C-alpha atoms as a PDB file:
ATOM      1  CA  UNK A   1       0.000   0.000   0.000  1.00  0.00           C
ATOM      2  CA  UNK A   2       1.710   3.092  -1.215  1.00  0.00           C
ATOM      3  CA  UNK A   3      -0.127   5.608   0.983  1.00  0.00           C
ATOM      4  CA  UNK A   4       0.937   9.207   1.106  1.00  0.00           C
ATOM      5  CA  UNK A   5       0.046  10.773   4.421  1.00  0.00           C
ATOM      6  CA  UNK A   6      -0.088  14.570   4.394  1.00  0.00           C
ATOM      7  CA  UNK A   7       2.114  16.276   6.960  1.00  0.00           C
ATOM      8  CA  UNK A   8       1.038  17.874   9.156  1.00  0.00           C
ATOM      9  CA  UNK A   9      -1.780  15.419   9.861  1.00  0.00           C
ATOM     10  CA  UNK A  10      -4.874  17.219  11.087  1.00  0.00           C
ATOM     11  CA  UNK A  11      -6.585  16.356  14.360  1.00  0.00           C
ATOM     12  CA  UNK A  12      -9.994  17.977  14.612  1.00  0.00           C
ATOM     13  CA  UNK A  13     -11.077  19.083  18.081  1.00  0.00           C
ATOM     14  CA  UNK A  14     -13.904  21.141  19.497  1.00  0.00           C
ATOM     15  CA  UNK A  15     -12.005  21.659  22.759  1.00  0.00           C
ATOM     16  CA  UNK A  16     -10.028  24.910  22.823  1.00  0.00           C
ATOM     17  CA  UNK A  17      -8.482  24.010  26.191  1.00  0.00           C
ATOM     18  CA  UNK A  18      -6.855  20.830  24.928  1.00  0.00           C
ATOM     19  CA  UNK A  19      -5.697  22.648  21.798  1.00  0.00           C
ATOM     20  CA  UNK A  20      -4.045  25.361  23.917  1.00  0.00           C
ATOM     21  CA  UNK A  21      -2.313  22.820  26.154  1.00  0.00           C
ATOM     22  CA  UNK A  22      -0.959  20.921  23.143  1.00  0.00           C
ATOM     23  CA  UNK A  23       0.304  24.045  21.399  1.00  0.00           C
ATOM     24  CA  UNK A  24       1.734  25.876  24.421  1.00  0.00           C
ATOM     25  CA  UNK A  25       4.804  24.242  25.997  1.00  0.00           C
ATOM     26  CA  UNK A  26       4.533  26.323  29.182  1.00  0.00           C
ATOM     27  CA  UNK A  27       3.886  24.367  32.384  1.00  0.00           C
ATOM     28  CA  UNK A  28       0.479  25.127  33.881  1.00  0.00           C
ATOM     29  CA  UNK A  29      -0.334  24.245  37.486  1.00  0.00           C
ATOM     30  CA  UNK A  30      -3.815  23.191  36.360  1.00  0.00           C
ATOM     31  CA  UNK A  31      -2.356  20.560  34.023  1.00  0.00           C
ATOM     32  CA  UNK A  32       0.041  18.871  36.433  1.00  0.00           C
ATOM     33  CA  UNK A  33      -2.285  15.847  36.534  1.00  0.00           C
ATOM     34  CA  UNK A  34      -1.547  15.071  32.883  1.00  0.00           C
ATOM     35  CA  UNK A  35       0.673  12.024  32.648  1.00  0.00           C
ATOM     36  CA  UNK A  36       3.995  12.230  30.805  1.00  0.00           C
ATOM     37  CA  UNK A  37       2.765   9.943  28.014  1.00  0.00           C
ATOM     38  CA  UNK A  38       0.188  12.581  27.067  1.00  0.00           C
ATOM     39  CA  UNK A  39       2.946  14.992  26.139  1.00  0.00           C
ATOM     40  CA  UNK A  40       3.385  12.896  22.991  1.00  0.00           C
ATOM     41  CA  UNK A  41       0.864  15.111  21.197  1.00  0.00           C
ATOM     42  CA  UNK A  42       2.607  18.296  22.331  1.00  0.00           C
ATOM     43  CA  UNK A  43       5.888  16.995  20.937  1.00  0.00           C
ATOM     44  CA  UNK A  44       4.297  16.139  17.573  1.00  0.00           C
ATOM     45  CA  UNK A  45       2.670  19.593  17.374  1.00  0.00           C
ATOM     46  CA  UNK A  46       6.027  21.222  18.089  1.00  0.00           C
ATOM     47  CA  UNK A  47       7.693  19.175  15.335  1.00  0.00           C
ATOM     48  CA  UNK A  48       4.802  20.075  12.982  1.00  0.00           C
ATOM     49  CA  UNK A  49       3.924  16.428  12.427  1.00  0.00           C
ATOM     50  CA  UNK A  50       0.345  17.041  13.527  1.00  0.00           C
ATOM     51  CA  UNK A  51      -1.841  20.128  13.551  1.00  0.00           C
ATOM     52  CA  UNK A  52      -4.797  20.564  15.873  1.00  0.00           C
ATOM     53  CA  UNK A  53      -7.667  22.274  14.084  1.00  0.00           C
ATOM     54  CA  UNK A  54     -10.611  23.708  16.004  1.00  0.00           C
ATOM     55  CA  UNK A  55     -14.046  22.889  14.629  1.00  0.00           C
ATOM     56  CA  UNK A  56     -17.491  23.712  15.911  1.00  0.00           C
ATOM     57  CA  UNK A  57     -19.231  21.096  18.053  1.00  0.00           C
ATOM     58  CA  UNK A  58     -21.972  20.762  15.429  1.00  0.00           C
ATOM     59  CA  UNK A  59     -19.348  19.614  12.902  1.00  0.00           C
ATOM     60  CA  UNK A  60     -17.644  16.990  15.123  1.00  0.00           C
ATOM     61  CA  UNK A  61     -18.129  13.662  13.342  1.00  0.00           C
ATOM     62  CA  UNK A  62     -17.161  11.611  16.413  1.00  0.00           C
ATOM     63  CA  UNK A  63     -20.242  12.930  18.236  1.00  0.00           C
ATOM     64  CA  UNK A  64     -22.437  10.687  16.103  1.00  0.00           C
ATOM     65  CA  UNK A  65     -21.042   7.744  18.108  1.00  0.00           C
ATOM     66  CA  UNK A  66     -20.628   9.357  21.533  1.00  0.00           C
ATOM     67  CA  UNK A  67     -23.515  11.759  22.116  1.00  0.00           C
ATOM     68  CA  UNK A  68     -27.273  11.697  22.126  1.00  0.00           C
ATOM     69  CA  UNK A  69     -27.861  13.995  19.163  1.00  0.00           C
ATOM     70  CA  UNK A  70     -31.046  14.928  17.375  1.00  0.00           C
ATOM     71  CA  UNK A  71     -32.175  13.463  14.078  1.00  0.00           C
ATOM     72  CA  UNK A  72     -31.232  16.520  12.006  1.00  0.00           C
ATOM     73  CA  UNK A  73     -27.665  16.650  13.372  1.00  0.00           C
ATOM     74  CA  UNK A  74     -27.369  12.850  13.092  1.00  0.00           C
ATOM     75  CA  UNK A  75     -28.370  12.908   9.420  1.00  0.00           C
ATOM     76  CA  UNK A  76     -26.010  15.790   8.670  1.00  0.00           C
ATOM     77  CA  UNK A  77     -23.045  14.000  10.274  1.00  0.00           C
ATOM     78  CA  UNK A  78     -24.034  10.676   8.706  1.00  0.00           C
ATOM     79  CA  UNK A  79     -24.100  12.294   5.272  1.00  0.00           C
ATOM     80  CA  UNK A  80     -20.600  13.699   5.840  1.00  0.00           C
ATOM     81  CA  UNK A  81     -19.374  10.138   6.383  1.00  0.00           C
ATOM     82  CA  UNK A  82     -21.219   8.868   3.292  1.00  0.00           C
ATOM     83  CA  UNK A  83     -23.081   6.242   5.341  1.00  0.00           C
ATOM     84  CA  UNK A  84     -26.359   4.772   4.200  1.00  0.00           C
ATOM     85  CA  UNK A  85     -28.697   3.350   6.846  1.00  0.00           C
END
């Protein structure tokens, strides 16, 4: 499989707090509970291997599997994934 993966890879998030933590290498006393292994993302952002892109909650495709969403939002997200039910 000769796959070409675009760099930086985009990670879509609707959480501005997590985006700020990943992009800002400054130690914050409120984030001291974050385990060392979670700094993996911060390192990849710094090396420009991944990019965290903020999207609106209504556009978050993962919510179709994790949240109780209404029919209209469900159908909109389903259509974005090209699923037929």
